[in-house]
Amino acid sequence: MLIPSPAEFAQALPTHSRLLGLDVGSKTIGLALSDIGRSIASPLLTIERTKLAKDIETLQKIIAVHNVGGLVIGYPVNMDGSLGPRTQSTRTFASSLGKHIALPMLLWDERMSTLAVERAMLEADLSRARRAQLVDKLAASYMLQGFLDSIKT
């Protein structure tokens, strides 16, 4: 179920469960996982997108293995705050996911997450191939960490 506000989302989460961050692209989905205390996000993996049913099945398995209580889905808002084609495809993906996964879900502004991660990888002098392997799950982790930081008091 898609929840409209971060405060409502945080209230809907079961205790002692992790959050799964998703950076949804057209070819891959980067995944990040929070700790049970919901203070640290860690990159998990990148899954290659195939058919929607297969993507959902993969996510269901990951959710079960890691005791996930909610999904934070990166929402690619344009820099000027407007919504473009990628925001609509992400919203459609989240809606489809909600039909098969009964967990609280939040769309979280992911502006600058990929750019920030790419800059950090360039500063670390990672090869182009290595950056391509890591970017999606690191962007998911960066985005999820932003959400976790926003709910800490």
N, C-alpha and C. Protein backbone atom coordinates (compact mmCIF):
# COMPACT_ATOMS: atom_id res chain seq x y z
N MET A 1 0.83 -1.17 0.00
CA MET A 1 0.00 0.00 0.00
C MET A 1 0.88 1.24 0.00
N LEU A 2 0.63 2.11 -0.93
CA LEU A 2 1.39 3.34 -1.08
C LEU A 2 0.89 4.35 -0.06
N ILE A 3 1.80 4.86 0.74
CA ILE A 3 1.45 5.81 1.80
C ILE A 3 1.98 7.18 1.38
N PRO A 4 1.14 8.22 1.49
CA PRO A 4 1.49 9.53 0.92
C PRO A 4 2.55 10.33 1.67
N SER A 5 2.66 10.16 2.99
CA SER A 5 3.61 11.01 3.71
C SER A 5 4.61 10.19 4.51
N PRO A 6 5.83 10.71 4.66
CA PRO A 6 6.85 9.99 5.44
C PRO A 6 6.43 9.72 6.88
N ALA A 7 5.71 10.67 7.50
CA ALA A 7 5.27 10.49 8.89
C ALA A 7 4.28 9.34 8.99
N GLU A 8 3.32 9.28 8.08
CA GLU A 8 2.34 8.19 8.08
C GLU A 8 3.02 6.86 7.78
N PHE A 9 3.97 6.88 6.87
CA PHE A 9 4.72 5.67 6.53
C PHE A 9 5.46 5.15 7.76
N ALA A 10 6.17 6.02 8.45
CA ALA A 10 6.92 5.62 9.64
C ALA A 10 5.99 5.02 10.70
N GLN A 11 4.80 5.59 10.84
CA GLN A 11 3.81 5.08 11.80
C GLN A 11 3.29 3.70 11.42
N ALA A 12 3.21 3.42 10.12
CA ALA A 12 2.64 2.16 9.63
C ALA A 12 3.62 1.00 9.68
N LEU A 13 4.88 1.27 9.95
CA LEU A 13 5.90 0.21 9.92
C LEU A 13 5.82 -0.69 11.15
N PRO A 14 5.96 -2.00 10.95
CA PRO A 14 6.02 -2.90 12.10
C PRO A 14 7.35 -2.71 12.83
N THR A 15 7.36 -2.95 14.12
CA THR A 15 8.60 -2.81 14.88
C THR A 15 9.54 -3.96 14.53
N HIS A 16 10.82 -3.72 14.76
CA HIS A 16 11.87 -4.73 14.55
C HIS A 16 11.88 -5.32 13.15
N SER A 17 11.70 -4.47 12.19
CA SER A 17 11.79 -4.91 10.79
C SER A 17 12.69 -3.94 10.04
N ARG A 18 13.20 -4.40 8.94
CA ARG A 18 14.10 -3.60 8.11
C ARG A 18 13.29 -2.88 7.02
N LEU A 19 13.93 -1.89 6.43
CA LEU A 19 13.37 -1.24 5.26
C LEU A 19 14.20 -1.63 4.05
N LEU A 20 13.53 -1.78 2.93
CA LEU A 20 14.21 -2.07 1.68
C LEU A 20 14.08 -0.84 0.79
N GLY A 21 15.21 -0.30 0.36
CA GLY A 21 15.22 0.82 -0.57
C GLY A 21 15.34 0.32 -1.99
N LEU A 22 14.57 0.89 -2.89
CA LEU A 22 14.59 0.48 -4.29
C LEU A 22 14.90 1.67 -5.18
N ASP A 23 15.92 1.52 -6.02
CA ASP A 23 16.22 2.50 -7.06
C ASP A 23 15.80 1.84 -8.37
N VAL A 24 14.60 2.17 -8.83
CA VAL A 24 13.98 1.47 -9.95
C VAL A 24 14.39 2.14 -11.26
N GLY A 25 15.05 1.37 -12.10
CA GLY A 25 15.41 1.85 -13.43
C GLY A 25 14.72 1.00 -14.48
N SER A 26 14.92 1.32 -15.74
CA SER A 26 14.28 0.56 -16.80
C SER A 26 14.94 -0.80 -17.00
N LYS A 27 16.22 -0.93 -16.64
CA LYS A 27 16.94 -2.19 -16.86
C LYS A 27 17.32 -2.90 -15.57
N THR A 28 17.43 -2.16 -14.48
CA THR A 28 17.85 -2.74 -13.20
C THR A 28 17.06 -2.13 -12.05
N ILE A 29 17.12 -2.81 -10.91
CA ILE A 29 16.59 -2.26 -9.66
C ILE A 29 17.71 -2.40 -8.63
N GLY A 30 18.20 -1.26 -8.16
CA GLY A 30 19.19 -1.27 -7.10
C GLY A 30 18.48 -1.41 -5.76
N LEU A 31 19.04 -2.26 -4.90
CA LEU A 31 18.43 -2.51 -3.60
C LEU A 31 19.37 -2.17 -2.47
N ALA A 32 18.82 -1.61 -1.42
CA ALA A 32 19.56 -1.30 -0.20
C ALA A 32 18.71 -1.75 0.98
N LEU A 33 19.36 -2.07 2.08
CA LEU A 33 18.67 -2.60 3.25
C LEU A 33 19.07 -1.80 4.48
N SER A 34 18.09 -1.50 5.31
CA SER A 34 18.39 -0.82 6.58
C SER A 34 18.67 -1.87 7.65
N ASP A 35 19.27 -1.41 8.72
CA ASP A 35 19.39 -2.27 9.89
C ASP A 35 18.04 -2.27 10.61
N ILE A 36 17.87 -3.14 11.59
CA ILE A 36 16.59 -3.23 12.30
C ILE A 36 16.29 -1.95 13.07
N GLY A 37 17.33 -1.25 13.55
CA GLY A 37 17.12 0.02 14.24
C GLY A 37 16.80 1.17 13.32
N ARG A 38 16.83 0.92 12.03
CA ARG A 38 16.52 1.92 11.00
C ARG A 38 17.37 3.18 11.11
N SER A 39 18.69 2.94 11.28
CA SER A 39 19.58 4.10 11.31
C SER A 39 20.64 4.05 10.21
N ILE A 40 20.94 2.88 9.69
CA ILE A 40 21.99 2.74 8.68
C ILE A 40 21.46 1.98 7.47
N ALA A 41 21.71 2.53 6.29
CA ALA A 41 21.36 1.85 5.03
C ALA A 41 22.62 1.27 4.42
N SER A 42 22.52 0.06 3.92
CA SER A 42 23.65 -0.61 3.28
C SER A 42 23.23 -1.10 1.90
N PRO A 43 24.12 -0.96 0.92
CA PRO A 43 23.81 -1.50 -0.40
C PRO A 43 23.61 -3.01 -0.30
N LEU A 44 22.63 -3.54 -1.01
CA LEU A 44 22.38 -4.98 -0.96
C LEU A 44 22.77 -5.64 -2.28
N LEU A 45 22.05 -5.35 -3.34
CA LEU A 45 22.36 -5.93 -4.64
C LEU A 45 21.62 -5.19 -5.73
N THR A 46 21.95 -5.54 -6.95
CA THR A 46 21.25 -5.00 -8.11
C THR A 46 20.64 -6.17 -8.85
N ILE A 47 19.35 -6.06 -9.12
CA ILE A 47 18.72 -7.13 -9.89
C ILE A 47 18.45 -6.63 -11.31
N GLU A 48 18.66 -7.52 -12.25
CA GLU A 48 18.38 -7.21 -13.65
C GLU A 48 16.88 -7.35 -13.86
N ARG A 49 16.26 -6.35 -14.43
CA ARG A 49 14.82 -6.40 -14.67
C ARG A 49 14.53 -7.32 -15.84
N THR A 50 13.49 -8.12 -15.67
CA THR A 50 13.02 -8.98 -16.75
C THR A 50 11.54 -8.67 -16.95
N LYS A 51 10.70 -9.60 -16.61
CA LYS A 51 9.26 -9.35 -16.64
C LYS A 51 8.81 -8.92 -15.26
N LEU A 52 7.76 -8.14 -15.19
CA LEU A 52 7.27 -7.61 -13.93
C LEU A 52 7.01 -8.73 -12.92
N ALA A 53 6.38 -9.81 -13.36
CA ALA A 53 6.06 -10.92 -12.45
C ALA A 53 7.33 -11.51 -11.84
N LYS A 54 8.37 -11.64 -12.64
CA LYS A 54 9.65 -12.19 -12.15
C LYS A 54 10.32 -11.20 -11.20
N ASP A 55 10.27 -9.91 -11.52
CA ASP A 55 10.84 -8.89 -10.64
C ASP A 55 10.14 -8.92 -9.27
N ILE A 56 8.83 -9.03 -9.28
CA ILE A 56 8.07 -9.07 -8.04
C ILE A 56 8.40 -10.33 -7.25
N GLU A 57 8.52 -11.44 -7.92
CA GLU A 57 8.88 -12.70 -7.25
C GLU A 57 10.25 -12.59 -6.58
N THR A 58 11.20 -12.01 -7.26
CA THR A 58 12.53 -11.80 -6.69
C THR A 58 12.46 -10.91 -5.46
N LEU A 59 11.71 -9.82 -5.56
CA LEU A 59 11.56 -8.91 -4.42
C LEU A 59 10.86 -9.59 -3.25
N GLN A 60 9.86 -10.41 -3.52
CA GLN A 60 9.16 -11.13 -2.45
C GLN A 60 10.12 -12.04 -1.68
N LYS A 61 11.01 -12.70 -2.39
CA LYS A 61 12.00 -13.58 -1.74
C LYS A 61 12.95 -12.77 -0.86
N ILE A 62 13.41 -11.65 -1.37
CA ILE A 62 14.33 -10.80 -0.62
C ILE A 62 13.65 -10.24 0.63
N ILE A 63 12.41 -9.84 0.48
CA ILE A 63 11.63 -9.32 1.60
C ILE A 63 11.50 -10.37 2.70
N ALA A 64 11.21 -11.60 2.32
CA ALA A 64 11.05 -12.68 3.29
C ALA A 64 12.37 -13.01 4.00
N VAL A 65 13.44 -13.09 3.25
CA VAL A 65 14.75 -13.45 3.82
C VAL A 65 15.24 -12.41 4.81
N HIS A 66 15.00 -11.14 4.53
CA HIS A 66 15.57 -10.05 5.33
C HIS A 66 14.60 -9.41 6.33
N ASN A 67 13.41 -10.00 6.51
CA ASN A 67 12.43 -9.46 7.46
C ASN A 67 12.15 -7.98 7.19
N VAL A 68 11.77 -7.69 5.96
CA VAL A 68 11.49 -6.32 5.54
C VAL A 68 10.07 -5.95 5.93
N GLY A 69 9.92 -4.77 6.54
CA GLY A 69 8.61 -4.31 6.98
C GLY A 69 8.06 -3.16 6.15
N GLY A 70 8.86 -2.60 5.23
CA GLY A 70 8.40 -1.49 4.40
C GLY A 70 9.36 -1.23 3.26
N LEU A 71 8.85 -0.61 2.22
CA LEU A 71 9.63 -0.30 1.03
C LEU A 71 9.72 1.21 0.82
N VAL A 72 10.93 1.70 0.61
CA VAL A 72 11.16 3.09 0.27
C VAL A 72 11.63 3.09 -1.18
N ILE A 73 10.79 3.62 -2.05
CA ILE A 73 11.05 3.57 -3.49
C ILE A 73 11.49 4.94 -3.96
N GLY A 74 12.66 4.98 -4.60
CA GLY A 74 13.18 6.23 -5.12
C GLY A 74 12.25 6.82 -6.16
N TYR A 75 11.91 8.09 -5.98
CA TYR A 75 10.98 8.77 -6.87
C TYR A 75 11.76 9.83 -7.64
N PRO A 76 11.96 9.62 -8.93
CA PRO A 76 12.84 10.50 -9.72
C PRO A 76 12.19 11.82 -10.15
N VAL A 77 12.05 12.71 -9.19
CA VAL A 77 11.50 14.04 -9.46
C VAL A 77 12.55 14.85 -10.21
N ASN A 78 12.12 15.66 -11.17
CA ASN A 78 13.05 16.51 -11.91
C ASN A 78 13.65 17.56 -10.97
N MET A 79 14.78 18.11 -11.36
CA MET A 79 15.47 19.08 -10.51
C MET A 79 14.60 20.29 -10.17
N ASP A 80 13.70 20.68 -11.07
CA ASP A 80 12.83 21.82 -10.80
C ASP A 80 11.56 21.44 -10.03
N GLY A 81 11.47 20.17 -9.61
CA GLY A 81 10.33 19.70 -8.84
C GLY A 81 9.19 19.16 -9.67
N SER A 82 9.31 19.26 -10.98
CA SER A 82 8.25 18.75 -11.85
C SER A 82 8.36 17.23 -11.99
N LEU A 83 7.28 16.64 -12.48
CA LEU A 83 7.23 15.20 -12.66
C LEU A 83 7.36 14.88 -14.14
N GLY A 84 8.24 13.94 -14.45
CA GLY A 84 8.46 13.56 -15.84
C GLY A 84 8.04 12.12 -16.09
N PRO A 85 8.41 11.58 -17.25
CA PRO A 85 8.02 10.22 -17.61
C PRO A 85 8.55 9.16 -16.64
N ARG A 86 9.74 9.38 -16.10
CA ARG A 86 10.30 8.40 -15.16
C ARG A 86 9.51 8.36 -13.86
N THR A 87 8.95 9.51 -13.44
CA THR A 87 8.15 9.49 -12.21
C THR A 87 6.88 8.67 -12.43
N GLN A 88 6.30 8.79 -13.60
CA GLN A 88 5.09 8.02 -13.89
C GLN A 88 5.40 6.53 -13.96
N SER A 89 6.50 6.14 -14.58
CA SER A 89 6.82 4.71 -14.65
C SER A 89 7.14 4.16 -13.26
N THR A 90 7.75 4.96 -12.40
CA THR A 90 8.03 4.53 -11.03
C THR A 90 6.73 4.38 -10.25
N ARG A 91 5.83 5.31 -10.42
CA ARG A 91 4.52 5.24 -9.73
C ARG A 91 3.75 4.00 -10.21
N THR A 92 3.80 3.70 -11.49
CA THR A 92 3.13 2.52 -12.05
C THR A 92 3.76 1.25 -11.48
N PHE A 93 5.10 1.22 -11.39
CA PHE A 93 5.79 0.07 -10.80
C PHE A 93 5.35 -0.11 -9.35
N ALA A 94 5.32 0.96 -8.58
CA ALA A 94 4.93 0.89 -7.17
C ALA A 94 3.49 0.40 -7.04
N SER A 95 2.62 0.87 -7.90
CA SER A 95 1.22 0.44 -7.87
C SER A 95 1.10 -1.05 -8.16
N SER A 96 1.83 -1.52 -9.16
CA SER A 96 1.84 -2.96 -9.48
C SER A 96 2.41 -3.77 -8.33
N LEU A 97 3.46 -3.27 -7.73
CA LEU A 97 4.09 -3.94 -6.59
C LEU A 97 3.10 -4.05 -5.43
N GLY A 98 2.34 -3.00 -5.20
CA GLY A 98 1.37 -2.98 -4.12
C GLY A 98 0.26 -4.01 -4.27
N LYS A 99 0.03 -4.47 -5.47
CA LYS A 99 -0.99 -5.51 -5.70
C LYS A 99 -0.50 -6.88 -5.27
N HIS A 100 0.81 -7.03 -5.10
CA HIS A 100 1.39 -8.34 -4.79
C HIS A 100 2.15 -8.38 -3.46
N ILE A 101 2.49 -7.23 -2.95
CA ILE A 101 3.26 -7.15 -1.71
C ILE A 101 2.50 -6.25 -0.74
N ALA A 102 2.07 -6.83 0.36
CA ALA A 102 1.23 -6.11 1.33
C ALA A 102 2.09 -5.46 2.41
N LEU A 103 2.92 -4.52 2.00
CA LEU A 103 3.76 -3.78 2.93
C LEU A 103 3.54 -2.29 2.71
N PRO A 104 3.78 -1.48 3.73
CA PRO A 104 3.75 -0.03 3.52
C PRO A 104 4.84 0.36 2.52
N MET A 105 4.51 1.26 1.61
CA MET A 105 5.45 1.75 0.60
C MET A 105 5.41 3.26 0.57
N LEU A 106 6.58 3.85 0.35
CA LEU A 106 6.71 5.30 0.27
C LEU A 106 7.53 5.66 -0.95
N LEU A 107 7.06 6.64 -1.71
CA LEU A 107 7.86 7.20 -2.79
C LEU A 107 8.70 8.32 -2.18
N TRP A 108 10.03 8.23 -2.31
CA TRP A 108 10.93 9.18 -1.67
C TRP A 108 11.76 9.88 -2.74
N ASP A 109 11.77 11.18 -2.70
CA ASP A 109 12.51 12.00 -3.66
C ASP A 109 13.98 11.56 -3.72
N GLU A 110 14.40 11.14 -4.88
CA GLU A 110 15.78 10.65 -5.03
C GLU A 110 16.68 11.61 -5.81
N ARG A 111 16.25 12.84 -5.98
CA ARG A 111 17.06 13.80 -6.72
C ARG A 111 18.50 13.79 -6.22
N MET A 112 19.41 13.77 -7.11
CA MET A 112 20.85 13.87 -6.85
C MET A 112 21.48 12.59 -6.29
N SER A 113 20.72 11.55 -6.01
CA SER A 113 21.32 10.36 -5.41
C SER A 113 22.32 9.69 -6.35
N THR A 114 21.95 9.48 -7.59
CA THR A 114 22.86 8.83 -8.53
C THR A 114 24.07 9.73 -8.80
N LEU A 115 23.84 11.02 -8.95
CA LEU A 115 24.93 11.95 -9.19
C LEU A 115 25.92 11.95 -8.02
N ALA A 116 25.41 11.99 -6.79
CA ALA A 116 26.27 11.99 -5.61
C ALA A 116 27.09 10.71 -5.54
N VAL A 117 26.47 9.59 -5.84
CA VAL A 117 27.17 8.30 -5.80
C VAL A 117 28.22 8.23 -6.90
N GLU A 118 27.87 8.71 -8.09
CA GLU A 118 28.84 8.68 -9.20
C GLU A 118 30.05 9.55 -8.88
N ARG A 119 29.82 10.71 -8.28
CA ARG A 119 30.94 11.58 -7.90
C ARG A 119 31.85 10.89 -6.89
N ALA A 120 31.25 10.25 -5.90
CA ALA A 120 32.04 9.55 -4.88
C ALA A 120 32.86 8.42 -5.50
N MET A 121 32.28 7.71 -6.44
CA MET A 121 33.01 6.62 -7.09
C MET A 121 34.14 7.15 -7.96
N LEU A 122 33.92 8.29 -8.61
CA LEU A 122 34.99 8.91 -9.39
C LEU A 122 36.14 9.36 -8.48
N GLU A 123 35.79 9.93 -7.34
CA GLU A 123 36.82 10.36 -6.39
C GLU A 123 37.59 9.16 -5.84
N ALA A 124 36.92 8.01 -5.75
CA ALA A 124 37.58 6.79 -5.29
C ALA A 124 38.35 6.12 -6.42
N ASP A 125 38.32 6.72 -7.60
CA ASP A 125 39.05 6.24 -8.76
C ASP A 125 38.65 4.83 -9.19
N LEU A 126 37.35 4.54 -9.11
CA LEU A 126 36.85 3.25 -9.56
C LEU A 126 36.77 3.24 -11.08
N SER A 127 37.02 2.10 -11.66
CA SER A 127 36.95 1.97 -13.11
C SER A 127 35.51 2.14 -13.58
N ARG A 128 35.36 2.44 -14.84
CA ARG A 128 34.02 2.61 -15.42
C ARG A 128 33.19 1.34 -15.24
N ALA A 129 33.80 0.18 -15.46
CA ALA A 129 33.09 -1.09 -15.32
C ALA A 129 32.64 -1.30 -13.86
N ARG A 130 33.52 -0.99 -12.92
CA ARG A 130 33.19 -1.17 -11.51
C ARG A 130 32.08 -0.20 -11.09
N ARG A 131 32.14 1.03 -11.59
CA ARG A 131 31.09 2.01 -11.29
C ARG A 131 29.74 1.51 -11.81
N ALA A 132 29.73 0.94 -13.00
CA ALA A 132 28.49 0.43 -13.58
C ALA A 132 27.91 -0.70 -12.73
N GLN A 133 28.78 -1.52 -12.15
CA GLN A 133 28.32 -2.62 -11.30
C GLN A 133 27.69 -2.12 -10.00
N LEU A 134 28.18 -1.02 -9.49
CA LEU A 134 27.80 -0.56 -8.15
C LEU A 134 26.76 0.54 -8.09
N VAL A 135 26.62 1.31 -9.15
CA VAL A 135 25.86 2.56 -9.07
C VAL A 135 24.43 2.39 -8.59
N ASP A 136 23.72 1.38 -9.05
CA ASP A 136 22.30 1.26 -8.70
C ASP A 136 22.09 0.93 -7.23
N LYS A 137 22.84 -0.03 -6.70
CA LYS A 137 22.65 -0.37 -5.29
C LYS A 137 23.20 0.71 -4.37
N LEU A 138 24.24 1.42 -4.80
CA LEU A 138 24.74 2.53 -3.99
C LEU A 138 23.77 3.70 -4.01
N ALA A 139 23.14 3.95 -5.15
CA ALA A 139 22.14 5.02 -5.22
C ALA A 139 20.93 4.67 -4.34
N ALA A 140 20.55 3.39 -4.32
CA ALA A 140 19.45 2.95 -3.45
C ALA A 140 19.82 3.17 -1.99
N SER A 141 21.06 2.87 -1.65
CA SER A 141 21.53 3.05 -0.27
C SER A 141 21.55 4.53 0.11
N TYR A 142 22.03 5.37 -0.78
CA TYR A 142 22.08 6.82 -0.55
C TYR A 142 20.67 7.37 -0.33
N MET A 143 19.75 6.94 -1.18
CA MET A 143 18.36 7.39 -1.09
C MET A 143 17.72 6.91 0.21
N LEU A 144 17.92 5.62 0.54
CA LEU A 144 17.34 5.08 1.77
C LEU A 144 17.93 5.76 3.01
N GLN A 145 19.23 6.05 2.97
CA GLN A 145 19.85 6.73 4.10
C GLN A 145 19.24 8.12 4.29
N GLY A 146 18.93 8.78 3.20
CA GLY A 146 18.27 10.09 3.29
C GLY A 146 16.93 9.98 4.01
N PHE A 147 16.17 8.93 3.71
CA PHE A 147 14.90 8.74 4.40
C PHE A 147 15.15 8.44 5.88
N LEU A 148 16.08 7.53 6.17
CA LEU A 148 16.35 7.16 7.56
C LEU A 148 16.77 8.38 8.38
N ASP A 149 17.60 9.22 7.79
CA ASP A 149 18.04 10.45 8.49
C ASP A 149 16.86 11.37 8.76
N SER A 150 15.89 11.38 7.86
CA SER A 150 14.74 12.28 8.02
C SER A 150 13.80 11.85 9.14
N ILE A 151 13.80 10.58 9.50
CA ILE A 151 12.87 10.12 10.55
C ILE A 151 13.52 10.03 11.92
N LYS A 152 14.83 10.23 11.99
CA LYS A 152 15.51 10.19 13.28
C LYS A 152 15.25 11.49 14.03
N THR A 153 14.99 11.37 15.31
CA THR A 153 14.75 12.59 16.11
C THR A 153 15.82 12.77 17.15
